[in-house]
Amino acid sequence: MNNAHVEVIKKLSAAFSKVPEITLTFWVAKLLTTAMGEATSDYLVTHLNPYLAVGLGAAGFFAALLLQLAVKRYITWIYWLVVVMVSIFGTMAADVVHIVLGIPYVLSASFFVVVLVLTFAVWKYSEKTVSIHSITTPRRELFYWATVIATFALGTATGDMTASTFNLGYSGAALLFTILFAIGVTAYVRLGWNEIFTFWFSYVMTRPMGASFADWFDKPSSMGGFGYGDGLVSLVLTALIVAVVAYLSGNSQTMKNESMAGNQCGMTSKTVVSGRPGVAKNWGKVPRPSAVAEPSDGES
């Protein structure tokens, strides 16, 4: 099977996927949502009754998730609405585990590592792949969102642990997780490490990275922050997310139109390659020759 046929198969798989392609804009949106979720959660639990805030967060999360599960294809604003709600509710849940239940961050982080590993193991055993480029069935989508929730929980606990327990502060934690995120990206782009591992490693790092930056900007100077406040930081980040999602929506529609044109032209290899950049073989938009050796989903 030549490369043109492989590209056709991957393009068709992407067309039926319920998740976005992994591009630079994806990572920008992901970091913004993690930061926004941290600031919004802190604002709500301090300005509303904490139990009411957590209840609203839970209701918003489950409503968004049900909407995502109900649609038959990837819809940009719905997908990112779920990610935003996972970030907000995930932050609240992690805070409940530590503040209300009194569980140390070290123990909660260790627990969430086990949960994440078990989720991957069951997903791999059931579906034979944990590639995000294979999210084309309801069961795989459930595994995907279970993994996303676990990564947010782990990232939240890890971020709080480094900032508080290890006394790195918000700026130190932000710098640490930025370096770790960069290591994950570099390992894939420059060193050719496994696509699945490097993606999920980087994905986990975005949670404490974004949250640490949010806390750094919104917490008072007495706590090592700039003191802009949770409300202002949350509003600014929300506006940025809306702008990025609007851009992604427009870009998605453009690629859809080009894909339709490609179908009408018989899906030549030139149309397939140019019609939808950043496909499964290059989540960082950097070509990976080895990834097109066979039409797999990137199984590991």
C-alpha atoms as a PDB file:
ATOM      1  CA  MET A   1       0.000   0.000   0.000  1.00  0.00           C
ATOM      2  CA  ASN A   2       1.545   3.306  -1.059  1.00  0.00           C
ATOM      3  CA  ASN A   3       1.655   6.515   0.941  1.00  0.00           C
ATOM      4  CA  ALA A   4      -1.233   8.075  -0.983  1.00  0.00           C
ATOM      5  CA  HIS A   5      -3.543   5.241   0.034  1.00  0.00           C
ATOM      6  CA  VAL A   6      -2.354   5.505   3.628  1.00  0.00           C
ATOM      7  CA  GLU A   7      -3.177   9.205   3.602  1.00  0.00           C
ATOM      8  CA  VAL A   8      -6.680   8.453   2.267  1.00  0.00           C
ATOM      9  CA  ILE A   9      -7.303   5.980   5.077  1.00  0.00           C
ATOM     10  CA  LYS A  10      -6.055   8.408   7.707  1.00  0.00           C
ATOM     11  CA  LYS A  11      -8.095  11.220   6.248  1.00  0.00           C
ATOM     12  CA  LEU A  12     -11.260   9.146   6.341  1.00  0.00           C
ATOM     13  CA  SER A  13     -10.477   8.127   9.925  1.00  0.00           C
ATOM     14  CA  ALA A  14     -10.002  11.779  10.911  1.00  0.00           C
ATOM     15  CA  ALA A  15     -13.292  12.689   9.262  1.00  0.00           C
ATOM     16  CA  PHE A  16     -15.180  10.270  11.547  1.00  0.00           C
ATOM     17  CA  SER A  17     -13.179  11.056  14.685  1.00  0.00           C
ATOM     18  CA  LYS A  18     -14.863  12.729  17.648  1.00  0.00           C
ATOM     19  CA  VAL A  19     -11.725  14.587  18.721  1.00  0.00           C
ATOM     20  CA  PRO A  20      -9.664  17.337  17.043  1.00  0.00           C
ATOM     21  CA  GLU A  21      -6.405  16.971  15.207  1.00  0.00           C
ATOM     22  CA  ILE A  22      -3.343  17.764  17.289  1.00  0.00           C
ATOM     23  CA  THR A  23      -1.863  21.029  16.081  1.00  0.00           C
ATOM     24  CA  LEU A  24      -0.187  24.009  17.711  1.00  0.00           C
ATOM     25  CA  THR A  25      -3.584  25.665  18.146  1.00  0.00           C
ATOM     26  CA  PHE A  26      -4.833  22.577  19.979  1.00  0.00           C
ATOM     27  CA  TRP A  27      -2.104  22.989  22.588  1.00  0.00           C
ATOM     28  CA  VAL A  28      -2.820  26.708  22.921  1.00  0.00           C
ATOM     29  CA  ALA A  29      -6.498  25.986  23.540  1.00  0.00           C
ATOM     30  CA  LYS A  30      -5.661  23.197  25.982  1.00  0.00           C
ATOM     31  CA  LEU A  31      -3.364  25.419  28.050  1.00  0.00           C
ATOM     32  CA  LEU A  32      -5.928  28.222  28.118  1.00  0.00           C
ATOM     33  CA  THR A  33      -8.675  25.879  29.324  1.00  0.00           C
ATOM     34  CA  THR A  34      -6.526  24.480  32.130  1.00  0.00           C
ATOM     35  CA  ALA A  35      -5.644  27.964  33.341  1.00  0.00           C
ATOM     36  CA  MET A  36      -9.225  29.190  32.989  1.00  0.00           C
ATOM     37  CA  GLY A  37     -10.563  26.172  34.885  1.00  0.00           C
ATOM     38  CA  GLU A  38      -8.246  26.851  37.807  1.00  0.00           C
ATOM     39  CA  ALA A  39      -9.140  30.549  38.053  1.00  0.00           C
ATOM     40  CA  THR A  40     -12.874  29.980  37.553  1.00  0.00           C
ATOM     41  CA  SER A  41     -13.032  27.197  40.121  1.00  0.00           C
ATOM     42  CA  ASP A  42     -11.234  29.315  42.726  1.00  0.00           C
ATOM     43  CA  TYR A  43     -13.539  32.252  42.015  1.00  0.00           C
ATOM     44  CA  LEU A  44     -16.747  30.221  42.286  1.00  0.00           C
ATOM     45  CA  VAL A  45     -15.873  28.413  45.522  1.00  0.00           C
ATOM     46  CA  THR A  46     -14.889  31.688  47.199  1.00  0.00           C
ATOM     47  CA  HIS A  47     -17.864  33.766  45.998  1.00  0.00           C
ATOM     48  CA  LEU A  48     -20.583  31.118  46.255  1.00  0.00           C
ATOM     49  CA  ASN A  49     -21.428  28.464  48.787  1.00  0.00           C
ATOM     50  CA  PRO A  50     -18.685  25.855  48.137  1.00  0.00           C
ATOM     51  CA  TYR A  51     -21.192  22.990  47.968  1.00  0.00           C
ATOM     52  CA  LEU A  52     -23.362  24.937  45.541  1.00  0.00           C
ATOM     53  CA  ALA A  53     -20.306  25.761  43.421  1.00  0.00           C
ATOM     54  CA  VAL A  54     -19.238  22.111  43.237  1.00  0.00           C
ATOM     55  CA  GLY A  55     -22.820  21.084  42.418  1.00  0.00           C
ATOM     56  CA  LEU A  56     -23.006  23.603  39.583  1.00  0.00           C
ATOM     57  CA  GLY A  57     -19.617  22.467  38.311  1.00  0.00           C
ATOM     58  CA  ALA A  58     -20.726  18.832  38.320  1.00  0.00           C
ATOM     59  CA  ALA A  59     -23.998  19.652  36.548  1.00  0.00           C
ATOM     60  CA  GLY A  60     -22.198  21.677  33.901  1.00  0.00           C
ATOM     61  CA  PHE A  61     -19.644  18.927  33.327  1.00  0.00           C
ATOM     62  CA  PHE A  62     -22.166  16.103  32.921  1.00  0.00           C
ATOM     63  CA  ALA A  63     -24.417  18.226  30.692  1.00  0.00           C
ATOM     64  CA  ALA A  64     -21.500  19.085  28.405  1.00  0.00           C
ATOM     65  CA  LEU A  65     -20.289  15.468  28.331  1.00  0.00           C
ATOM     66  CA  LEU A  66     -23.739  14.138  27.435  1.00  0.00           C
ATOM     67  CA  LEU A  67     -23.956  16.687  24.639  1.00  0.00           C
ATOM     68  CA  GLN A  68     -20.551  15.590  23.309  1.00  0.00           C
ATOM     69  CA  LEU A  69     -21.547  11.925  23.441  1.00  0.00           C
ATOM     70  CA  ALA A  70     -24.835  12.640  21.679  1.00  0.00           C
ATOM     71  CA  VAL A  71     -23.385  14.278  18.571  1.00  0.00           C
ATOM     72  CA  LYS A  72     -22.181  12.040  15.755  1.00  0.00           C
ATOM     73  CA  ARG A  73     -19.054  13.937  14.762  1.00  0.00           C
ATOM     74  CA  TYR A  74     -16.464  16.351  16.091  1.00  0.00           C
ATOM     75  CA  ILE A  75     -18.006  19.778  16.687  1.00  0.00           C
ATOM     76  CA  THR A  76     -15.420  22.279  17.804  1.00  0.00           C
ATOM     77  CA  TRP A  77     -17.341  24.307  20.393  1.00  0.00           C
ATOM     78  CA  ILE A  78     -18.956  21.258  21.988  1.00  0.00           C
ATOM     79  CA  TYR A  79     -15.638  19.441  22.370  1.00  0.00           C
ATOM     80  CA  TRP A  80     -13.932  22.423  23.972  1.00  0.00           C
ATOM     81  CA  LEU A  81     -16.938  23.093  26.196  1.00  0.00           C
ATOM     82  CA  VAL A  82     -16.407  19.632  27.680  1.00  0.00           C
ATOM     83  CA  VAL A  83     -12.696  20.303  28.174  1.00  0.00           C
ATOM     84  CA  VAL A  84     -13.488  23.585  29.937  1.00  0.00           C
ATOM     85  CA  MET A  85     -16.002  21.895  32.229  1.00  0.00           C
ATOM     86  CA  VAL A  86     -13.581  19.045  32.960  1.00  0.00           C
ATOM     87  CA  SER A  87     -11.045  21.672  33.982  1.00  0.00           C
ATOM     88  CA  ILE A  88     -13.451  23.560  36.248  1.00  0.00           C
ATOM     89  CA  PHE A  89     -15.082  20.551  37.873  1.00  0.00           C
ATOM     90  CA  GLY A  90     -11.808  18.619  37.988  1.00  0.00           C
ATOM     91  CA  THR A  91     -10.192  21.433  39.957  1.00  0.00           C
ATOM     92  CA  MET A  92     -13.125  21.474  42.379  1.00  0.00           C
ATOM     93  CA  ALA A  93     -13.011  17.706  42.835  1.00  0.00           C
ATOM     94  CA  ALA A  94      -9.264  17.700  43.470  1.00  0.00           C
ATOM     95  CA  ASP A  95      -9.663  20.493  46.033  1.00  0.00           C
ATOM     96  CA  VAL A  96     -12.400  18.516  47.800  1.00  0.00           C
ATOM     97  CA  VAL A  97     -10.099  15.493  48.052  1.00  0.00           C
ATOM     98  CA  HIS A  98      -7.386  17.581  49.726  1.00  0.00           C
ATOM     99  CA  ILE A  99      -9.257  20.267  51.669  1.00  0.00           C
ATOM    100  CA  VAL A 100     -12.426  18.424  52.743  1.00  0.00           C
ATOM    101  CA  LEU A 101     -11.124  14.872  53.022  1.00  0.00           C
ATOM    102  CA  GLY A 102      -7.673  15.931  54.187  1.00  0.00           C
ATOM    103  CA  ILE A 103      -5.774  13.610  51.836  1.00  0.00           C
ATOM    104  CA  PRO A 104      -2.185  14.816  51.218  1.00  0.00           C
ATOM    105  CA  TYR A 105      -1.274  15.779  47.672  1.00  0.00           C
ATOM    106  CA  VAL A 106       1.403  13.078  47.530  1.00  0.00           C
ATOM    107  CA  LEU A 107      -1.162  10.359  48.210  1.00  0.00           C
ATOM    108  CA  SER A 108      -3.795  11.785  45.860  1.00  0.00           C
ATOM    109  CA  ALA A 109      -1.234  12.206  43.067  1.00  0.00           C
ATOM    110  CA  SER A 110      -0.063   8.604  43.564  1.00  0.00           C
ATOM    111  CA  PHE A 111      -3.660   7.385  43.499  1.00  0.00           C
ATOM    112  CA  PHE A 112      -4.421   9.224  40.262  1.00  0.00           C
ATOM    113  CA  VAL A 113      -1.270   7.771  38.658  1.00  0.00           C
ATOM    114  CA  VAL A 114      -2.649   4.296  39.373  1.00  0.00           C
ATOM    115  CA  VAL A 115      -6.076   5.292  38.028  1.00  0.00           C
ATOM    116  CA  LEU A 116      -4.534   6.646  34.825  1.00  0.00           C
ATOM    117  CA  VAL A 117      -2.386   3.555  34.277  1.00  0.00           C
ATOM    118  CA  LEU A 118      -5.363   1.246  34.845  1.00  0.00           C
ATOM    119  CA  THR A 119      -7.498   3.301  32.462  1.00  0.00           C
ATOM    120  CA  PHE A 120      -4.861   3.012  29.744  1.00  0.00           C
ATOM    121  CA  ALA A 121      -4.478  -0.723  30.402  1.00  0.00           C
ATOM    122  CA  VAL A 122      -8.194  -1.443  30.095  1.00  0.00           C
ATOM    123  CA  TRP A 123      -8.487   0.813  27.033  1.00  0.00           C
ATOM    124  CA  LYS A 124      -5.544  -0.918  25.354  1.00  0.00           C
ATOM    125  CA  TYR A 125      -6.831  -4.388  26.204  1.00  0.00           C
ATOM    126  CA  SER A 126     -10.325  -3.610  24.952  1.00  0.00           C
ATOM    127  CA  GLU A 127      -9.536  -1.616  21.805  1.00  0.00           C
ATOM    128  CA  LYS A 128      -5.959  -2.719  20.980  1.00  0.00           C
ATOM    129  CA  THR A 129      -4.936   0.938  20.712  1.00  0.00           C
ATOM    130  CA  VAL A 130      -4.946   4.070  22.869  1.00  0.00           C
ATOM    131  CA  SER A 131      -4.412   6.417  19.949  1.00  0.00           C
ATOM    132  CA  ILE A 132      -6.560   9.533  19.983  1.00  0.00           C
ATOM    133  CA  HIS A 133      -6.754   9.212  16.199  1.00  0.00           C
ATOM    134  CA  SER A 134      -8.967   6.161  16.603  1.00  0.00           C
ATOM    135  CA  ILE A 135     -11.832   7.784  18.543  1.00  0.00           C
ATOM    136  CA  THR A 136     -14.521   6.690  16.084  1.00  0.00           C
ATOM    137  CA  THR A 137     -16.807   4.549  18.272  1.00  0.00           C
ATOM    138  CA  PRO A 138     -18.863   5.330  21.419  1.00  0.00           C
ATOM    139  CA  ARG A 139     -16.813   2.921  23.541  1.00  0.00           C
ATOM    140  CA  ARG A 140     -13.506   4.423  22.471  1.00  0.00           C
ATOM    141  CA  GLU A 141     -14.862   7.884  23.172  1.00  0.00           C
ATOM    142  CA  LEU A 142     -15.814   6.840  26.704  1.00  0.00           C
ATOM    143  CA  PHE A 143     -12.291   5.536  27.241  1.00  0.00           C
ATOM    144  CA  TYR A 144     -10.928   8.803  25.863  1.00  0.00           C
ATOM    145  CA  TRP A 145     -12.920  11.009  28.234  1.00  0.00           C
ATOM    146  CA  ALA A 146     -12.181   8.739  31.203  1.00  0.00           C
ATOM    147  CA  THR A 147      -8.492   9.190  30.406  1.00  0.00           C
ATOM    148  CA  VAL A 148      -8.879  12.962  30.025  1.00  0.00           C
ATOM    149  CA  ILE A 149     -10.575  13.188  33.426  1.00  0.00           C
ATOM    150  CA  ALA A 150      -7.812  11.093  35.000  1.00  0.00           C
ATOM    151  CA  THR A 151      -5.109  13.309  33.452  1.00  0.00           C
ATOM    152  CA  PHE A 152      -6.789  16.439  34.805  1.00  0.00           C
ATOM    153  CA  ALA A 153      -7.063  14.937  38.287  1.00  0.00           C
ATOM    154  CA  LEU A 154      -3.435  13.818  38.221  1.00  0.00           C
ATOM    155  CA  GLY A 155      -2.254  17.145  36.833  1.00  0.00           C
ATOM    156  CA  THR A 156      -4.167  19.108  39.469  1.00  0.00           C
ATOM    157  CA  ALA A 157      -2.812  17.055  42.354  1.00  0.00           C
ATOM    158  CA  THR A 158       0.725  17.171  40.954  1.00  0.00           C
ATOM    159  CA  GLY A 159       0.622  20.927  40.410  1.00  0.00           C
ATOM    160  CA  ASP A 160      -0.612  21.624  43.934  1.00  0.00           C
ATOM    161  CA  MET A 161       1.941  19.198  45.338  1.00  0.00           C
ATOM    162  CA  THR A 162       4.890  20.934  43.671  1.00  0.00           C
ATOM    163  CA  ALA A 163       3.677  24.442  44.507  1.00  0.00           C
ATOM    164  CA  SER A 164       2.664  23.763  48.116  1.00  0.00           C
ATOM    165  CA  THR A 165       4.181  20.555  49.465  1.00  0.00           C
ATOM    166  CA  PHE A 166       7.516  21.006  47.692  1.00  0.00           C
ATOM    167  CA  ASN A 167       7.426  24.789  48.248  1.00  0.00           C
ATOM    168  CA  LEU A 168       8.274  25.713  44.666  1.00  0.00           C
ATOM    169  CA  GLY A 169       5.605  28.390  44.603  1.00  0.00           C
ATOM    170  CA  TYR A 170       3.438  29.209  41.589  1.00  0.00           C
ATOM    171  CA  SER A 171       6.245  30.643  39.502  1.00  0.00           C
ATOM    172  CA  GLY A 172       8.546  27.716  40.220  1.00  0.00           C
ATOM    173  CA  ALA A 173       5.822  25.190  39.441  1.00  0.00           C
ATOM    174  CA  ALA A 174       4.920  27.023  36.222  1.00  0.00           C
ATOM    175  CA  LEU A 175       8.543  26.940  35.085  1.00  0.00           C
ATOM    176  CA  LEU A 176       8.987  23.274  36.031  1.00  0.00           C
ATOM    177  CA  PHE A 177       5.935  22.053  34.111  1.00  0.00           C
ATOM    178  CA  THR A 178       6.716  24.258  31.130  1.00  0.00           C
ATOM    179  CA  ILE A 179      10.107  22.522  30.906  1.00  0.00           C
ATOM    180  CA  LEU A 180       8.497  19.081  31.274  1.00  0.00           C
ATOM    181  CA  PHE A 181       5.932  19.908  28.580  1.00  0.00           C
ATOM    182  CA  ALA A 182       8.726  21.058  26.268  1.00  0.00           C
ATOM    183  CA  ILE A 183      10.628  17.831  26.939  1.00  0.00           C
ATOM    184  CA  GLY A 184       7.606  15.787  25.856  1.00  0.00           C
ATOM    185  CA  VAL A 185       7.201  17.742  22.620  1.00  0.00           C
ATOM    186  CA  THR A 186      10.928  17.662  21.860  1.00  0.00           C
ATOM    187  CA  ALA A 187      11.119  13.920  22.536  1.00  0.00           C
ATOM    188  CA  TYR A 188       8.523  13.319  19.828  1.00  0.00           C
ATOM    189  CA  VAL A 189       9.560  15.961  17.301  1.00  0.00           C
ATOM    190  CA  ARG A 190      13.348  15.643  17.509  1.00  0.00           C
ATOM    191  CA  LEU A 191      14.029  12.231  18.984  1.00  0.00           C
ATOM    192  CA  GLY A 192      11.208  10.235  17.435  1.00  0.00           C
ATOM    193  CA  TRP A 193       9.863   8.845  20.698  1.00  0.00           C
ATOM    194  CA  ASN A 194       6.559   6.973  20.744  1.00  0.00           C
ATOM    195  CA  GLU A 195       3.711   9.219  19.600  1.00  0.00           C
ATOM    196  CA  ILE A 196       1.174   7.838  22.070  1.00  0.00           C
ATOM    197  CA  PHE A 197       3.409   8.199  25.121  1.00  0.00           C
ATOM    198  CA  THR A 198       4.723  11.665  24.286  1.00  0.00           C
ATOM    199  CA  PHE A 199       1.236  12.987  23.520  1.00  0.00           C
ATOM    200  CA  TRP A 200      -0.307  11.836  26.793  1.00  0.00           C
ATOM    201  CA  PHE A 201       2.766  12.869  28.779  1.00  0.00           C
ATOM    202  CA  SER A 202       2.532  16.375  27.320  1.00  0.00           C
ATOM    203  CA  TYR A 203      -1.232  16.369  27.833  1.00  0.00           C
ATOM    204  CA  VAL A 204      -0.836  15.644  31.547  1.00  0.00           C
ATOM    205  CA  MET A 205       1.784  18.397  31.890  1.00  0.00           C
ATOM    206  CA  THR A 206      -0.541  21.052  30.442  1.00  0.00           C
ATOM    207  CA  ARG A 207      -2.838  20.784  33.456  1.00  0.00           C
ATOM    208  CA  PRO A 208      -0.383  21.809  36.219  1.00  0.00           C
ATOM    209  CA  MET A 209       1.391  24.129  33.788  1.00  0.00           C
ATOM    210  CA  GLY A 210      -1.731  26.139  32.944  1.00  0.00           C
ATOM    211  CA  ALA A 211      -3.047  26.075  36.518  1.00  0.00           C
ATOM    212  CA  SER A 212       0.274  27.280  37.930  1.00  0.00           C
ATOM    213  CA  PHE A 213       0.342  30.226  35.536  1.00  0.00           C
ATOM    214  CA  ALA A 214      -3.262  31.081  36.461  1.00  0.00           C
ATOM    215  CA  ASP A 215      -2.464  31.008  40.188  1.00  0.00           C
ATOM    216  CA  TRP A 216       0.694  33.026  39.579  1.00  0.00           C
ATOM    217  CA  PHE A 217      -1.329  35.797  37.958  1.00  0.00           C
ATOM    218  CA  ASP A 218      -4.449  35.792  40.129  1.00  0.00           C
ATOM    219  CA  LYS A 219      -3.149  35.107  43.651  1.00  0.00           C
ATOM    220  CA  PRO A 220      -2.075  38.036  45.883  1.00  0.00           C
ATOM    221  CA  SER A 221       1.555  39.033  46.250  1.00  0.00           C
ATOM    222  CA  SER A 222       1.556  37.642  49.792  1.00  0.00           C
ATOM    223  CA  MET A 223       1.110  34.197  48.205  1.00  0.00           C
ATOM    224  CA  GLY A 224       3.699  34.775  45.493  1.00  0.00           C
ATOM    225  CA  GLY A 225       1.297  35.977  42.791  1.00  0.00           C
ATOM    226  CA  PHE A 226       0.722  39.157  40.813  1.00  0.00           C
ATOM    227  CA  GLY A 227      -2.618  39.817  42.508  1.00  0.00           C
ATOM    228  CA  TYR A 228      -4.898  40.362  39.501  1.00  0.00           C
ATOM    229  CA  GLY A 229      -7.644  38.303  41.109  1.00  0.00           C
ATOM    230  CA  ASP A 230      -9.477  35.124  40.139  1.00  0.00           C
ATOM    231  CA  GLY A 231     -12.387  36.961  38.502  1.00  0.00           C
ATOM    232  CA  LEU A 232     -10.340  39.131  36.134  1.00  0.00           C
ATOM    233  CA  VAL A 233      -7.997  36.308  35.143  1.00  0.00           C
ATOM    234  CA  SER A 234     -10.964  34.016  34.516  1.00  0.00           C
ATOM    235  CA  LEU A 235     -12.690  36.606  32.294  1.00  0.00           C
ATOM    236  CA  VAL A 236      -9.555  37.295  30.247  1.00  0.00           C
ATOM    237  CA  LEU A 237      -8.878  33.593  29.738  1.00  0.00           C
ATOM    238  CA  THR A 238     -12.510  32.954  28.799  1.00  0.00           C
ATOM    239  CA  ALA A 239     -12.314  35.648  26.125  1.00  0.00           C
ATOM    240  CA  LEU A 240      -9.110  34.132  24.754  1.00  0.00           C
ATOM    241  CA  ILE A 241     -10.683  30.657  24.674  1.00  0.00           C
ATOM    242  CA  VAL A 242     -13.705  31.970  22.776  1.00  0.00           C
ATOM    243  CA  ALA A 243     -11.384  33.578  20.214  1.00  0.00           C
ATOM    244  CA  VAL A 244      -9.280  30.431  19.777  1.00  0.00           C
ATOM    245  CA  VAL A 245     -12.324  28.159  19.504  1.00  0.00           C
ATOM    246  CA  ALA A 246     -13.856  30.521  16.931  1.00  0.00           C
ATOM    247  CA  TYR A 247     -10.638  30.275  14.932  1.00  0.00           C
ATOM    248  CA  LEU A 248     -10.626  26.487  15.223  1.00  0.00           C
ATOM    249  CA  SER A 249     -14.265  26.340  14.123  1.00  0.00           C
ATOM    250  CA  GLY A 250     -13.556  28.412  11.037  1.00  0.00           C
ATOM    251  CA  ASN A 251     -10.457  26.386  10.247  1.00  0.00           C
ATOM    252  CA  SER A 252     -12.383  23.136  10.690  1.00  0.00           C
ATOM    253  CA  GLN A 253     -15.055  24.295   8.253  1.00  0.00           C
ATOM    254  CA  THR A 254     -12.407  25.291   5.713  1.00  0.00           C
ATOM    255  CA  MET A 255     -10.765  21.876   5.931  1.00  0.00           C
ATOM    256  CA  LYS A 256     -14.175  20.204   5.627  1.00  0.00           C
ATOM    257  CA  ASN A 257     -14.880  22.133   2.430  1.00  0.00           C
ATOM    258  CA  GLU A 258     -11.469  21.197   1.032  1.00  0.00           C
ATOM    259  CA  SER A 259     -12.101  17.566   1.967  1.00  0.00           C
ATOM    260  CA  MET A 260     -15.411  17.599   0.082  1.00  0.00           C
ATOM    261  CA  ALA A 261     -13.658  19.105  -2.917  1.00  0.00           C
ATOM    262  CA  GLY A 262     -11.055  16.358  -2.658  1.00  0.00           C
ATOM    263  CA  ASN A 263     -13.781  13.710  -2.705  1.00  0.00           C
ATOM    264  CA  GLN A 264     -15.323  15.240  -5.821  1.00  0.00           C
ATOM    265  CA  CYS A 265     -11.931  15.175  -7.524  1.00  0.00           C
ATOM    266  CA  GLY A 266     -11.424  11.489  -6.774  1.00  0.00           C
ATOM    267  CA  MET A 267      -9.223  12.050  -3.694  1.00  0.00           C
ATOM    268  CA  THR A 268      -5.939  12.333  -5.542  1.00  0.00           C
ATOM    269  CA  SER A 269      -2.835  12.088  -3.450  1.00  0.00           C
ATOM    270  CA  LYS A 270      -2.165  15.812  -3.836  1.00  0.00           C
ATOM    271  CA  THR A 271      -5.618  16.739  -2.572  1.00  0.00           C
ATOM    272  CA  VAL A 272      -5.464  14.305   0.317  1.00  0.00           C
ATOM    273  CA  VAL A 273      -2.146  15.578   1.590  1.00  0.00           C
ATOM    274  CA  SER A 274      -2.906  19.266   1.225  1.00  0.00           C
ATOM    275  CA  GLY A 275      -6.567  19.151   2.193  1.00  0.00           C
ATOM    276  CA  ARG A 276      -6.117  18.528   5.894  1.00  0.00           C
ATOM    277  CA  PRO A 277      -2.771  19.353   7.475  1.00  0.00           C
ATOM    278  CA  GLY A 278      -1.635  18.064  10.812  1.00  0.00           C
ATOM    279  CA  VAL A 279      -3.162  14.582  10.517  1.00  0.00           C
ATOM    280  CA  ALA A 280      -2.503  11.634  12.777  1.00  0.00           C
ATOM    281  CA  LYS A 281       1.036  11.095  11.637  1.00  0.00           C
ATOM    282  CA  ASN A 282       2.254  14.456  12.937  1.00  0.00           C
ATOM    283  CA  TRP A 283       0.497  15.710  16.071  1.00  0.00           C
ATOM    284  CA  GLY A 284       3.014  18.499  16.286  1.00  0.00           C
ATOM    285  CA  LYS A 285       2.764  19.292  12.561  1.00  0.00           C
ATOM    286  CA  VAL A 286       6.237  17.849  12.047  1.00  0.00           C
ATOM    287  CA  PRO A 287       6.446  15.046   9.443  1.00  0.00           C
ATOM    288  CA  ARG A 288       7.164  11.615  10.794  1.00  0.00           C
ATOM    289  CA  PRO A 289       8.205   9.349   7.879  1.00  0.00           C
ATOM    290  CA  SER A 290       7.957   6.215   9.980  1.00  0.00           C
ATOM    291  CA  ALA A 291       4.340   6.930  10.848  1.00  0.00           C
ATOM    292  CA  VAL A 292       3.170   6.354   7.287  1.00  0.00           C
ATOM    293  CA  ALA A 293       4.769   2.962   6.966  1.00  0.00           C
ATOM    294  CA  GLU A 294       1.407   1.320   7.560  1.00  0.00           C
ATOM    295  CA  PRO A 295      -2.184   2.522   8.004  1.00  0.00           C
ATOM    296  CA  SER A 296      -2.329   1.974  11.744  1.00  0.00           C
ATOM    297  CA  ASP A 297      -3.795   4.320  14.347  1.00  0.00           C
ATOM    298  CA  GLY A 298      -0.439   4.740  15.992  1.00  0.00           C
ATOM    299  CA  GLU A 299      -0.825   1.727  18.246  1.00  0.00           C
ATOM    300  CA  SER A 300       1.747   1.106  20.891  1.00  0.00           C
END
